[in-house]
Amino acid sequence: MALPANVNFGTVTGLFIDGAGAPLVGSVTFTPSAAKLLDIGAQPPASVFPRPVSVQLVDGAFSQQLIATDDPDLNPVGWSWKVSFSLSGVNAAGFNIEVPADETVDLTLVSPVGASGGQLIIRGPGVPDTDGVADGWVVTVEDGVPVWAAPSGGSGGTGADGADGKSAYQLAVDNGFSGTVTQWLASLVGPKGDQGEQGPKGDQGEQGPKGDQGEQGPQGVPGADAAIAILQITAADYAALETKDPTTLYVVIG
């Protein structure tokens, strides 16, 4: 089954030879960066899953049609093909390309090359004259275009050491100070400042832990025997006593 009629294609070509001009043997593989392409303009609409395409070299050359990466009927648009190589005796790095609809892409014309700042060329005898360029100028190659410029001067030698700067004391003398170095040092010390105000009372500290119980003290000297009198007395007589002797034990009878 063919692809829908509205799908556009582009063509990719290439020629690969070795340093002696002999054609290389191997294959070139194209892998789509888009996993799925939605063709809503097809009748009926279709989901296209592009697969990698490999082509064998014939006499070192190939020509292959691929789905166009800018086809407006497909979604997404602006994707790319990954180009990889399997060439006998050659280690070629892969790269990505776009394949416009109804156009031919030659891999030799779109293959990237390593970055380079160009090679310096010194003008002199044997170099053809170039308008606006003087002898001694140099040229750099930028994006394949030669750019001439006057040579820059070399680096200068190391300069002589400068004179030592003045000390702080010498600067003070230059600004009007009169006295010795010791006197100048003493002048840097200001008068004693006033005593500062007493700070606020600090917060009360936390209560300390309870102390250990002290040892028991020695037994005291026995006290003298108390002298007490015992008196039997009637209730009427006890009640009639005006004063009572604290050293007398009253036994109330009847």
Protein backbone atom coordinates (compact mmCIF):
# COMPACT_ATOMS: atom_id res chain seq x y z
CA MET A 1 0.00 0.00 0.00
CA ALA A 2 1.42 3.39 -1.01
CA LEU A 3 1.50 6.54 1.09
CA PRO A 4 -1.40 9.01 0.69
CA ALA A 5 -1.20 11.02 -2.52
CA ASN A 6 -0.78 14.35 -0.70
CA VAL A 7 2.53 13.33 0.96
CA ASN A 8 5.46 15.30 -0.51
CA PHE A 9 9.00 14.01 -1.02
CA GLY A 10 12.50 15.37 -1.41
CA THR A 11 15.59 13.72 -2.85
CA VAL A 12 18.96 13.15 -1.11
CA THR A 13 22.13 12.35 -3.10
CA GLY A 14 25.79 11.79 -2.30
CA LEU A 15 29.13 10.62 -3.70
CA PHE A 16 31.87 9.14 -1.50
CA ILE A 17 35.45 8.39 -2.65
CA ASP A 18 38.71 7.76 -0.82
CA GLY A 19 41.96 9.74 -1.03
CA ALA A 20 43.00 7.87 -4.17
CA GLY A 21 39.71 8.60 -5.93
CA ALA A 22 38.32 5.07 -5.55
CA PRO A 23 34.59 4.80 -4.73
CA LEU A 24 33.77 3.80 -1.17
CA VAL A 25 31.69 0.73 -0.34
CA GLY A 26 28.94 0.77 2.27
CA SER A 27 25.56 2.24 3.07
CA VAL A 28 23.87 5.41 4.30
CA THR A 29 20.97 5.28 6.77
CA PHE A 30 18.34 7.97 7.33
CA THR A 31 16.42 7.89 10.64
CA PRO A 32 13.42 10.23 11.15
CA SER A 33 13.38 12.38 14.29
CA ALA A 34 9.55 12.32 14.25
CA ALA A 35 8.09 9.05 15.51
CA LYS A 36 4.64 9.76 14.03
CA LEU A 37 3.28 12.06 11.31
CA LEU A 38 -0.43 12.95 11.25
CA ASP A 39 -1.80 13.36 7.71
CA ILE A 40 -5.21 14.94 8.32
CA GLY A 41 -5.49 16.01 4.67
CA ALA A 42 -5.49 12.41 3.42
CA GLN A 43 -8.72 10.63 2.45
CA PRO A 44 -9.18 9.02 4.89
CA PRO A 45 -6.86 10.77 7.43
CA ALA A 46 -3.85 8.61 8.27
CA SER A 47 -1.16 8.31 10.93
CA VAL A 48 2.21 7.73 9.25
CA PHE A 49 5.00 6.05 11.24
CA PRO A 50 8.17 6.71 9.20
CA ARG A 51 10.86 4.04 9.42
CA PRO A 52 14.63 4.32 8.98
CA VAL A 53 15.70 4.10 5.33
CA SER A 54 19.04 2.48 4.32
CA VAL A 55 20.54 2.78 0.85
CA GLN A 56 23.58 0.94 -0.54
CA LEU A 57 26.27 2.87 -2.41
CA VAL A 58 26.73 2.04 -6.08
CA ASP A 59 30.13 3.12 -7.36
CA GLY A 60 30.32 5.26 -4.23
CA ALA A 61 27.09 7.14 -5.01
CA PHE A 62 23.39 7.00 -4.12
CA SER A 63 20.10 8.84 -4.69
CA GLN A 64 17.13 8.36 -2.37
CA GLN A 65 13.66 9.90 -2.00
CA LEU A 66 12.54 10.72 1.57
CA ILE A 67 9.38 12.21 3.08
CA ALA A 68 9.75 16.01 3.04
CA THR A 69 10.38 17.51 6.47
CA ASP A 70 8.47 20.72 5.59
CA ASP A 71 5.31 19.08 4.21
CA PRO A 72 2.47 21.40 5.38
CA ASP A 73 -0.05 18.53 5.23
CA LEU A 74 1.85 16.60 7.91
CA ASN A 75 1.96 17.26 11.65
CA PRO A 76 4.53 17.90 13.05
CA VAL A 77 6.35 20.03 10.49
CA GLY A 78 10.00 21.08 10.58
CA TRP A 79 11.43 17.76 11.82
CA SER A 80 14.69 16.26 10.47
CA TRP A 81 16.40 13.11 9.21
CA LYS A 82 19.44 11.74 11.09
CA VAL A 83 22.15 10.69 8.60
CA SER A 84 24.53 7.89 9.67
CA PHE A 85 27.20 6.10 7.67
CA SER A 86 28.52 2.56 7.42
CA LEU A 87 31.48 2.91 5.06
CA SER A 88 34.31 0.42 4.63
CA GLY A 89 37.54 1.72 6.18
CA VAL A 90 36.03 5.12 7.01
CA ASN A 91 34.79 6.53 10.32
CA ALA A 92 32.28 9.21 9.33
CA ALA A 93 30.28 11.11 11.96
CA GLY A 94 26.54 11.43 11.49
CA PHE A 95 24.51 14.64 11.31
CA ASN A 96 20.94 15.89 10.83
CA ILE A 97 19.45 17.31 7.66
CA GLU A 98 16.19 18.85 6.48
CA VAL A 99 14.69 17.59 3.23
CA PRO A 100 12.48 20.26 1.58
CA ALA A 101 9.65 19.13 -0.65
CA ASP A 102 10.49 18.74 -4.37
CA GLU A 103 14.17 19.69 -3.79
CA THR A 104 17.44 17.75 -3.97
CA VAL A 105 19.86 17.77 -1.01
CA ASP A 106 23.48 16.81 -1.76
CA LEU A 107 25.14 15.51 1.43
CA THR A 108 28.50 16.93 0.35
CA LEU A 109 26.99 20.44 0.39
CA VAL A 110 25.30 20.17 3.80
CA SER A 111 27.79 17.99 5.69
CA PRO A 112 29.24 19.98 8.65
CA VAL A 113 33.00 20.39 9.11
CA GLY A 114 35.03 20.93 12.27
CA ALA A 115 35.32 24.51 13.51
CA SER A 116 38.53 26.33 12.60
CA GLY A 117 39.87 29.84 13.13
CA GLY A 118 41.65 29.72 9.78
CA GLN A 119 45.35 29.78 8.92
CA LEU A 120 47.52 32.88 9.22
CA ILE A 121 49.22 33.89 5.98
CA ILE A 122 52.02 36.50 6.00
CA ARG A 123 52.08 38.65 2.86
CA GLY A 124 55.43 39.05 1.19
CA PRO A 125 57.32 38.21 -2.02
CA GLY A 126 55.33 35.91 -4.25
CA VAL A 127 51.92 36.86 -2.78
CA PRO A 128 49.65 38.54 -5.36
CA ASP A 129 48.72 42.16 -4.68
CA THR A 130 45.31 42.68 -3.09
CA ASP A 131 43.53 46.02 -3.15
CA GLY A 132 43.64 47.77 0.23
CA VAL A 133 46.16 45.30 1.71
CA ALA A 134 49.73 46.27 2.65
CA ASP A 135 52.81 44.08 3.09
CA GLY A 136 52.94 42.46 6.51
CA TRP A 137 49.18 42.17 6.86
CA VAL A 138 47.68 38.83 7.93
CA VAL A 139 44.56 37.04 6.80
CA THR A 140 42.14 34.82 8.69
CA VAL A 141 39.54 32.60 7.07
CA GLU A 142 36.05 33.21 8.49
CA ASP A 143 33.26 31.01 7.14
CA GLY A 144 35.41 30.31 4.05
CA VAL A 145 36.01 34.02 3.31
CA PRO A 146 39.52 35.53 3.68
CA VAL A 147 39.61 38.58 5.97
CA TRP A 148 42.76 40.77 5.90
CA ALA A 149 43.87 42.88 8.87
CA ALA A 150 46.93 44.83 9.96
CA PRO A 151 49.15 42.84 12.34
CA SER A 152 48.79 43.59 16.02
CA GLY A 153 51.82 44.78 17.96
CA GLY A 154 53.69 42.36 20.20
CA SER A 155 53.55 42.45 23.95
CA GLY A 156 55.77 45.04 25.61
CA GLY A 157 58.49 44.15 28.10
CA THR A 158 58.06 44.23 31.85
CA GLY A 159 58.17 47.78 33.19
CA ALA A 160 60.56 48.97 35.91
CA ASP A 161 59.47 48.79 39.56
CA GLY A 162 57.80 51.96 40.80
CA ALA A 163 59.12 54.04 43.71
CA ASP A 164 58.08 53.02 47.24
CA GLY A 165 55.07 54.88 48.53
CA LYS A 166 55.19 57.15 51.61
CA SER A 167 54.39 55.81 55.06
CA ALA A 168 51.37 57.01 57.01
CA TYR A 169 53.68 59.06 59.28
CA GLN A 170 55.29 60.75 56.26
CA LEU A 171 51.86 61.58 54.88
CA ALA A 172 50.89 63.07 58.25
CA VAL A 173 54.01 65.27 58.24
CA ASP A 174 53.22 66.36 54.67
CA ASN A 175 49.79 67.38 55.92
CA GLY A 176 51.09 69.54 58.81
CA PHE A 177 51.94 67.17 61.69
CA SER A 178 54.98 68.25 63.71
CA GLY A 179 56.61 65.68 65.98
CA THR A 180 58.37 62.34 66.17
CA VAL A 181 57.00 58.99 65.09
CA THR A 182 56.35 58.13 68.78
CA GLN A 183 54.43 61.34 69.26
CA TRP A 184 52.45 60.69 66.11
CA LEU A 185 51.57 57.18 67.29
CA ALA A 186 50.48 58.59 70.68
CA SER A 187 48.29 61.14 68.89
CA LEU A 188 46.33 58.30 67.33
CA VAL A 189 45.03 57.25 70.78
CA GLY A 190 41.95 59.26 71.76
CA PRO A 191 40.93 60.30 75.30
CA LYS A 192 39.30 57.80 77.63
CA GLY A 193 35.59 57.71 77.10
CA ASP A 194 32.91 58.26 79.75
CA GLN A 195 31.76 55.26 81.72
CA GLY A 196 28.75 53.73 80.18
CA GLU A 197 25.40 53.43 81.91
CA GLN A 198 24.73 50.39 84.05
CA GLY A 199 22.98 47.76 82.13
CA PRO A 200 19.56 46.40 83.09
CA LYS A 201 19.23 43.81 85.83
CA GLY A 202 19.52 40.34 84.47
CA ASP A 203 16.79 37.76 84.73
CA GLN A 204 16.70 35.64 87.86
CA GLY A 205 18.52 32.40 87.37
CA GLU A 206 16.83 29.04 87.64
CA GLN A 207 16.58 27.42 91.09
CA GLY A 208 19.44 25.09 91.74
CA PRO A 209 18.96 21.41 92.59
CA LYS A 210 18.06 20.36 96.14
CA GLY A 211 21.14 19.74 98.26
CA ASP A 212 22.00 16.42 99.92
CA GLN A 213 20.67 15.78 103.43
CA GLY A 214 23.25 16.63 106.11
CA GLU A 215 24.63 14.11 108.59
CA GLN A 216 22.80 13.59 111.95
CA GLY A 217 24.28 15.65 114.76
CA PRO A 218 25.56 14.19 118.11
CA GLN A 219 23.08 13.32 120.87
CA GLY A 220 22.54 16.12 123.37
CA VAL A 221 23.31 15.97 127.11
CA PRO A 222 20.43 14.39 129.11
CA GLY A 223 18.36 16.97 130.96
CA ALA A 224 17.92 17.06 134.76
CA ASP A 225 15.07 15.07 136.29
CA ALA A 226 12.04 17.20 136.86
CA ALA A 227 10.90 17.69 140.52
CA ILE A 228 7.14 17.39 140.75
CA ALA A 229 4.76 17.06 143.72
CA ILE A 230 1.56 15.02 143.71
CA LEU A 231 -1.39 16.43 145.70
CA GLN A 232 -4.79 14.83 146.16
CA ILE A 233 -7.46 17.49 146.37
CA THR A 234 -11.20 17.69 146.16
CA ALA A 235 -12.89 19.33 143.28
CA ALA A 236 -14.15 22.11 145.50
CA ASP A 237 -10.70 22.85 146.88
CA TYR A 238 -9.12 22.72 143.39
CA ALA A 239 -11.67 25.21 142.16
CA ALA A 240 -11.01 27.47 145.10
CA LEU A 241 -7.23 27.71 144.42
CA GLU A 242 -6.33 31.24 143.28
CA THR A 243 -3.04 30.11 141.77
CA LYS A 244 -1.88 26.71 140.76
CA ASP A 245 1.73 25.53 141.20
CA PRO A 246 3.13 24.35 137.87
CA THR A 247 5.41 21.87 139.63
CA THR A 248 2.50 20.18 141.39
CA LEU A 249 0.36 17.40 139.92
CA TYR A 250 -3.17 17.86 141.29
CA VAL A 251 -5.23 14.64 141.66
CA VAL A 252 -8.87 15.64 142.06
CA ILE A 253 -10.93 13.17 144.12
CA GLY A 254 -14.59 12.90 145.06
